[in-house]
Protein backbone atom coordinates (compact mmCIF):
# COMPACT_ATOMS: atom_id res chain seq x y z
CA PRO A 1 -71.79 -6.67 3.05
CA PHE A 2 -69.43 -5.68 0.22
CA ILE A 3 -67.52 -8.51 -1.46
CA GLY A 4 -64.69 -8.48 -4.01
CA GLN A 5 -63.14 -11.56 -5.64
CA GLU A 6 -59.64 -12.18 -7.02
CA ILE A 7 -58.57 -8.57 -6.75
CA PRO A 8 -54.93 -8.12 -7.93
CA LEU A 9 -52.55 -6.37 -5.54
CA ASN A 10 -48.93 -5.32 -5.95
CA ILE A 11 -47.33 -5.30 -2.50
CA PRO A 12 -43.60 -4.78 -1.77
CA ASP A 13 -42.02 -7.23 0.66
CA GLU A 14 -39.43 -6.41 3.33
CA SER A 15 -36.66 -6.27 0.75
CA GLY A 16 -38.61 -3.90 -1.47
CA VAL A 17 -39.39 -6.50 -4.13
CA THR A 18 -42.94 -6.15 -5.44
CA LYS A 19 -45.07 -9.27 -5.20
CA ASN A 20 -48.18 -9.92 -7.24
CA LEU A 21 -51.03 -11.15 -5.09
CA TRP A 22 -54.72 -11.85 -5.60
CA VAL A 23 -57.19 -11.54 -2.73
CA ASP A 24 -60.86 -11.96 -1.96
CA PHE A 25 -62.17 -9.40 0.49
CA SER A 26 -65.39 -8.53 2.25
CA TYR A 27 -66.68 -5.80 4.56
CA HIS A 28 -69.28 -6.80 7.15
CA PRO A 29 -70.93 -4.34 9.59
CA PHE A 30 -71.26 -5.13 13.30
CA ARG A 31 -74.62 -4.01 14.67
CA ASP A 32 -75.85 -3.39 18.16
CA ALA A 33 -79.13 -4.63 19.64
CA GLN A 34 -81.01 -1.73 18.02
CA GLY A 35 -79.56 -2.45 14.59
CA GLY A 36 -77.15 0.45 14.58
CA ILE A 37 -73.67 -0.07 13.13
CA LYS A 38 -71.03 -0.19 15.85
CA GLY A 39 -68.13 -1.31 13.70
CA ILE A 40 -66.95 -2.87 10.45
CA SER A 41 -65.11 -6.16 9.95
CA ALA A 42 -62.77 -6.26 6.96
CA ILE A 43 -61.68 -9.76 5.88
CA LEU A 44 -58.99 -10.39 3.28
CA GLN A 45 -58.24 -13.87 2.00
CA ASP A 46 -55.13 -14.58 -0.05
CA VAL A 47 -56.24 -16.60 -3.11
CA THR A 48 -52.96 -16.25 -5.02
CA GLU A 49 -52.39 -20.01 -5.03
CA LYS A 50 -55.82 -20.59 -6.53
CA VAL A 51 -55.33 -18.00 -9.28
CA LEU A 52 -51.82 -19.19 -10.14
CA ALA A 53 -53.03 -22.79 -10.22
CA ARG A 54 -55.69 -21.85 -12.73
CA LYS A 55 -53.16 -19.97 -14.85
CA VAL A 56 -50.73 -22.92 -14.83
CA ILE A 57 -53.33 -25.39 -15.96
CA GLU A 58 -54.65 -22.99 -18.61
CA GLU A 59 -51.14 -22.50 -20.01
CA SER A 60 -50.41 -26.24 -19.84
CA GLY A 61 -53.68 -26.93 -21.60
CA ILE A 62 -52.81 -24.48 -24.36
CA ARG A 63 -49.41 -26.12 -24.89
CA TYR A 64 -50.99 -29.58 -24.91
CA ARG A 65 -53.66 -28.50 -27.41
CA LYS A 66 -51.05 -26.95 -29.70
CA ALA A 67 -49.07 -30.19 -29.63
CA ASN A 68 -52.24 -32.10 -30.51
CA GLU A 69 -52.97 -29.72 -33.37
CA GLN A 70 -49.51 -30.32 -34.80
CA LEU A 71 -50.04 -34.04 -34.39
CA ASP A 72 -53.40 -33.83 -36.17
CA LEU A 73 -51.59 -32.49 -39.23
CA VAL A 74 -49.27 -35.49 -39.15
CA LEU A 75 -52.10 -37.97 -38.71
CA GLU A 76 -54.09 -36.44 -41.56
CA ASN A 77 -51.27 -37.41 -43.89
CA ALA A 78 -50.53 -40.71 -42.20
CA GLN A 79 -51.46 -43.97 -43.84
CA ILE A 80 -53.62 -46.34 -41.84
CA ALA A 81 -52.76 -49.95 -42.51
CA THR A 82 -55.61 -52.47 -42.62
CA TRP A 83 -55.63 -56.21 -42.11
CA GLN A 84 -57.97 -59.17 -41.78
CA ILE A 85 -57.36 -62.65 -40.42
CA ASP A 86 -59.55 -65.67 -41.21
CA LEU A 87 -59.42 -67.64 -37.96
CA LYS A 88 -60.95 -70.77 -39.48
CA ALA A 89 -58.83 -71.02 -42.63
CA GLY A 90 -55.73 -69.47 -41.10
CA SER A 91 -55.40 -67.11 -44.07
CA GLU A 92 -54.83 -63.37 -43.91
CA THR A 93 -55.34 -60.26 -45.96
CA VAL A 94 -52.66 -57.68 -45.27
CA LEU A 95 -52.00 -54.51 -47.20
CA PRO A 96 -48.40 -53.51 -47.99
CA ASP A 97 -48.60 -50.72 -45.38
CA VAL A 98 -48.58 -53.29 -42.56
CA ILE A 99 -45.56 -55.03 -44.05
CA ALA A 100 -43.80 -51.68 -44.38
CA LEU A 101 -44.66 -50.77 -40.78
CA ILE A 102 -42.99 -53.81 -39.26
CA GLY A 103 -40.15 -53.69 -41.76
CA GLU A 104 -40.72 -57.14 -43.16
CA GLY A 105 -40.40 -57.95 -46.81
CA ALA A 106 -42.96 -59.75 -48.94
CA GLU A 107 -40.96 -62.93 -48.42
CA SER A 108 -41.91 -63.04 -44.73
CA GLY A 109 -44.81 -65.43 -45.41
CA ASN A 110 -47.25 -65.29 -42.48
CA VAL A 111 -47.21 -61.57 -41.74
CA HIS A 112 -49.48 -61.94 -38.71
CA GLU A 113 -47.12 -64.39 -37.05
CA GLY A 114 -44.18 -62.20 -38.01
CA PHE A 115 -45.94 -59.26 -36.38
CA ARG A 116 -46.52 -61.24 -33.18
CA GLN A 117 -42.84 -62.06 -33.03
CA ARG A 118 -41.98 -58.39 -33.26
CA LEU A 119 -44.05 -57.32 -30.27
CA TYR A 120 -41.96 -55.53 -27.65
CA PRO A 121 -41.30 -58.17 -24.93
CA GLU A 122 -42.74 -56.04 -22.10
CA ASP A 123 -45.91 -55.35 -24.12
CA ALA A 124 -46.52 -58.74 -25.69
CA ALA A 125 -48.54 -60.37 -22.89
CA GLU A 126 -50.95 -57.44 -22.46
CA ALA A 127 -51.40 -57.00 -26.22
CA THR A 128 -52.27 -60.69 -26.62
CA LEU A 129 -54.60 -60.60 -23.62
CA THR A 130 -56.42 -57.55 -25.03
CA VAL A 131 -57.20 -59.36 -28.30
CA ASN A 132 -58.22 -62.61 -26.60
CA THR A 133 -60.47 -60.76 -24.14
CA ALA A 134 -62.20 -58.94 -27.01
CA ILE A 135 -62.85 -62.25 -28.78
CA GLN A 136 -64.24 -63.84 -25.62
CA ASN A 137 -66.46 -60.86 -24.77
CA HIS A 138 -67.63 -60.20 -28.35
CA THR A 139 -66.30 -56.64 -28.27
CA SER A 140 -63.97 -54.48 -30.33
CA TYR A 141 -60.57 -53.55 -28.91
CA SER A 142 -58.16 -50.63 -29.05
CA HIS A 143 -54.66 -50.99 -27.69
CA GLU A 144 -51.31 -49.17 -27.81
CA TYR A 145 -48.05 -51.08 -27.71
CA ARG A 146 -44.53 -51.18 -29.08
CA ILE A 147 -43.05 -53.27 -31.86
CA ILE A 148 -39.44 -53.93 -32.83
CA ARG A 149 -38.99 -53.51 -36.57
CA LYS A 150 -36.70 -55.67 -38.66
CA ASP A 151 -34.05 -52.92 -38.53
CA GLN A 152 -34.30 -53.05 -34.65
CA SER A 153 -35.90 -49.61 -34.36
CA VAL A 154 -38.84 -49.37 -31.92
CA LYS A 155 -42.23 -48.03 -32.96
CA TRP A 156 -45.37 -47.29 -30.98
CA VAL A 157 -48.55 -48.43 -32.73
CA LEU A 158 -52.27 -48.11 -32.12
CA SER A 159 -54.12 -51.27 -33.10
CA LYS A 160 -57.90 -51.55 -33.37
CA GLY A 161 -59.77 -54.69 -34.25
CA THR A 162 -63.26 -56.20 -34.36
CA PRO A 163 -63.92 -59.95 -34.23
CA LYS A 164 -66.66 -61.48 -36.37
CA TYR A 165 -68.63 -64.57 -35.40
CA GLY A 166 -70.42 -67.38 -37.15
CA ARG A 167 -73.07 -69.73 -35.91
CA GLU A 168 -73.24 -70.41 -32.20
CA GLY A 169 -70.98 -67.43 -31.56
CA VAL A 170 -67.82 -69.06 -32.84
CA PRO A 171 -65.21 -66.45 -33.91
CA VAL A 172 -64.44 -66.74 -37.63
CA SER A 173 -62.31 -63.67 -38.36
CA ILE A 174 -60.81 -60.44 -37.05
CA SER A 175 -60.39 -57.28 -39.09
CA GLY A 176 -58.82 -54.05 -38.05
CA VAL A 177 -56.44 -51.17 -38.59
CA ILE A 178 -53.02 -50.27 -37.24
CA MET A 179 -51.34 -46.87 -37.09
CA ASP A 180 -47.87 -45.62 -36.21
CA ILE A 181 -48.28 -43.31 -33.16
CA THR A 182 -44.58 -42.97 -32.30
CA GLU A 183 -44.62 -39.20 -32.74
CA ARG A 184 -47.65 -38.81 -30.45
CA LYS A 185 -45.92 -40.87 -27.78
CA GLN A 186 -42.80 -38.73 -28.09
CA ARG A 187 -44.91 -35.60 -27.51
CA GLU A 188 -46.49 -37.18 -24.44
CA ASP A 189 -43.00 -37.93 -23.11
CA GLN A 190 -42.03 -34.29 -23.69
CA PHE A 191 -45.11 -33.13 -21.79
CA GLN A 192 -44.28 -35.39 -18.86
CA ALA A 193 -40.71 -34.09 -18.84
CA ILE A 194 -42.05 -30.54 -18.50
CA THR A 195 -44.36 -31.46 -15.61
CA GLU A 196 -41.40 -32.91 -13.72
CA LEU A 197 -39.78 -29.45 -13.63
CA VAL A 198 -42.65 -27.49 -12.07
CA PRO A 199 -43.28 -27.39 -8.29
CA GLN A 200 -47.03 -27.96 -8.63
CA PHE A 201 -48.63 -31.39 -8.58
CA ILE A 202 -49.88 -32.20 -12.09
CA TRP A 203 -51.92 -35.16 -13.25
CA MET A 204 -53.84 -36.38 -16.27
CA SER A 205 -56.84 -38.64 -16.76
CA ASP A 206 -58.49 -40.22 -19.76
CA GLU A 207 -61.85 -39.06 -21.10
CA LYS A 208 -63.71 -41.19 -18.54
CA GLY A 209 -61.84 -39.71 -15.58
CA ALA A 210 -59.45 -42.60 -14.91
CA ILE A 211 -56.00 -41.34 -13.86
CA ILE A 212 -53.28 -42.23 -16.38
CA TYR A 213 -50.43 -39.98 -15.18
CA SER A 214 -49.24 -38.17 -12.04
CA ASN A 215 -45.98 -36.22 -11.94
CA PRO A 216 -43.22 -37.38 -9.53
CA GLN A 217 -43.83 -34.49 -7.11
CA LEU A 218 -47.38 -35.66 -6.41
CA LEU A 219 -46.36 -39.31 -6.13
CA ASP A 220 -43.55 -38.40 -3.71
CA TYR A 221 -45.92 -36.43 -1.47
CA MET A 222 -48.30 -39.39 -1.23
CA GLY A 223 -45.49 -41.94 -0.97
CA VAL A 224 -46.87 -44.15 -3.74
CA ASP A 225 -45.99 -45.15 -7.29
CA LEU A 226 -48.11 -44.54 -10.37
CA THR A 227 -49.75 -47.97 -10.24
CA GLU A 228 -51.35 -47.00 -6.91
CA THR A 229 -53.08 -43.97 -8.44
CA VAL A 230 -54.18 -45.16 -11.90
CA GLY A 231 -57.84 -45.69 -12.64
CA ALA A 232 -59.88 -44.88 -9.54
CA ARG A 233 -57.36 -46.09 -6.96
CA TRP A 234 -56.42 -42.48 -6.10
CA ILE A 235 -59.72 -42.21 -4.21
CA GLU A 236 -58.21 -44.39 -1.48
CA LEU A 237 -55.62 -41.64 -0.81
CA LEU A 238 -58.26 -39.02 0.06
CA HIS A 239 -59.66 -38.27 3.49
CA PRO A 240 -62.61 -40.62 4.11
CA ASP A 241 -64.93 -37.67 4.85
CA ASP A 242 -64.18 -36.10 1.45
CA ARG A 243 -64.40 -39.12 -0.86
CA GLU A 244 -68.13 -39.20 -1.58
CA GLN A 245 -68.33 -35.52 -2.51
CA VAL A 246 -65.12 -35.70 -4.57
CA ILE A 247 -66.46 -38.66 -6.57
CA HIS A 248 -69.81 -36.92 -7.12
CA LYS A 249 -68.29 -33.64 -8.36
CA TRP A 250 -65.67 -35.40 -10.51
CA GLN A 251 -68.32 -37.55 -12.20
CA LYS A 252 -70.44 -34.44 -12.74
CA ALA A 253 -67.54 -32.72 -14.48
CA ILE A 254 -66.93 -35.78 -16.68
CA GLU A 255 -70.61 -35.84 -17.68
CA THR A 256 -70.90 -32.11 -18.41
CA GLY A 257 -67.40 -31.42 -19.74
CA LYS A 258 -67.13 -28.39 -17.46
CA THR A 259 -64.00 -27.36 -15.56
CA TYR A 260 -63.61 -29.22 -12.27
CA GLU A 261 -62.56 -27.40 -9.10
CA MET A 262 -62.69 -28.59 -5.51
CA GLU A 263 -60.80 -28.41 -2.22
CA PHE A 264 -60.19 -31.67 -0.36
CA ARG A 265 -57.65 -33.49 1.80
CA ILE A 266 -54.97 -35.88 0.54
CA ARG A 267 -52.98 -38.30 2.69
CA SER A 268 -49.22 -37.76 2.75
CA LYS A 269 -46.61 -40.51 3.04
CA ALA A 270 -46.31 -39.53 6.73
CA GLY A 271 -49.96 -40.44 7.23
CA THR A 272 -51.17 -36.86 7.78
CA TYR A 273 -53.76 -35.11 5.62
CA GLY A 274 -53.11 -31.82 3.86
CA TRP A 275 -55.64 -29.53 2.21
CA PHE A 276 -55.32 -29.09 -1.57
CA LEU A 277 -57.02 -27.08 -4.28
CA ASN A 278 -57.69 -29.34 -7.26
CA ARG A 279 -58.59 -28.03 -10.68
CA ALA A 280 -58.93 -29.87 -14.00
CA SER A 281 -59.86 -28.78 -17.51
CA PRO A 282 -60.89 -30.95 -20.46
CA ILE A 283 -58.62 -31.38 -23.48
CA ARG A 284 -60.68 -31.72 -26.66
CA GLU A 285 -60.02 -33.05 -30.14
CA LYS A 286 -59.53 -30.12 -32.49
CA LYS A 287 -62.02 -31.25 -35.13
CA THR A 288 -64.71 -33.08 -33.22
CA MET A 289 -64.35 -31.19 -29.89
CA VAL A 290 -64.71 -34.55 -28.19
CA ILE A 291 -62.89 -34.74 -24.84
CA ASN A 292 -59.96 -37.17 -24.93
CA ARG A 293 -58.04 -36.13 -21.81
CA TRP A 294 -58.39 -34.14 -18.57
CA LEU A 295 -55.41 -32.09 -17.38
CA GLY A 296 -55.33 -31.33 -13.66
CA ILE A 297 -53.25 -29.44 -11.11
CA THR A 298 -53.19 -29.88 -7.35
CA VAL A 299 -51.95 -27.03 -5.12
CA ASP A 300 -51.20 -27.24 -1.38
CA ILE A 301 -53.47 -24.81 0.51
CA SER A 302 -52.93 -26.18 4.02
CA ASP A 303 -51.53 -22.87 5.29
CA ARG A 304 -54.47 -20.99 3.82
CA LYS A 305 -56.94 -23.36 5.45
CA ALA A 306 -55.25 -22.88 8.82
CA ALA A 307 -55.48 -19.10 8.39
CA GLU A 308 -59.17 -19.37 7.45
CA ASN A 309 -59.91 -21.37 10.58
CA GLU A 310 -58.11 -18.84 12.74
CA LEU A 311 -60.03 -16.03 11.03
CA LYS A 312 -63.34 -17.76 11.73
CA ARG A 313 -62.40 -18.17 15.36
CA THR A 314 -61.43 -14.48 15.66
CA THR A 315 -64.59 -13.31 13.84
CA GLY A 316 -66.74 -15.44 16.11
CA PHE A 317 -65.07 -13.93 19.14
CA LEU A 318 -65.62 -10.38 17.89
CA ASN A 319 -69.28 -11.06 17.13
CA SER A 320 -69.77 -12.30 20.69
CA ILE A 321 -68.51 -9.06 22.21
């Protein structure tokens, strides 16, 4: 057989407008009982959706990487504020950068308590829980949340801390750093705004493969909100027969850092399952090349799958003649 993949074609439609298509094709000979060729089967498969999906995610990845590169320049010049709290004595060591970040003056006294009071109300409970959980589990923590500065402006910050323990595992202090990440958050908001304008389903995961964002088009198709897809909960929305293989291939991509591509079925809000082509590429830190995000696109290929099944049925019939 002769096989060609992703061959570009320019074909005019009924109105004379030229359309750009990509196809896979193959020629297979039909042979008689003696092995002689009695005919040739030519099969063309439209893979335009697959090619365009790859191009969209590549372009989105380029835009996202450029935004990260610009942000890297900002962060290189950003000051990282450090702090330390003595849990036993109740004293604290706070550099002026922390005081400047929350907008408090030197007269504020207990800066740590002042900082707690300036936590954004919707973020306060989770931020406190994150610190307490780290202390209980003897682990470091990293958390993003908002604060309300003294001038009432809102800032996003990234806070990292490590508890220290004395005898019998009793926590004695916590030290850490805090950084203003407002600009990074603004860029993420801009990216999400762009994804809401495109017809494709776009999603993003963290470096471990846990979903952190799905655009409204995808959520509307599935009839769920973002909380029902975050982490690994999206697996529940796949066809039961596809889940094991999807998990295996996704984990393999996470481990190797290679582009992920797979076709599987997703449940719609009507309860039916449609076929989709899913492709994701890693987003890496500019300097370290460490993966910090995965950017994915999901394209409906239900019509193509139906055409493939019909083609298989027709080919089988011809072979039986």
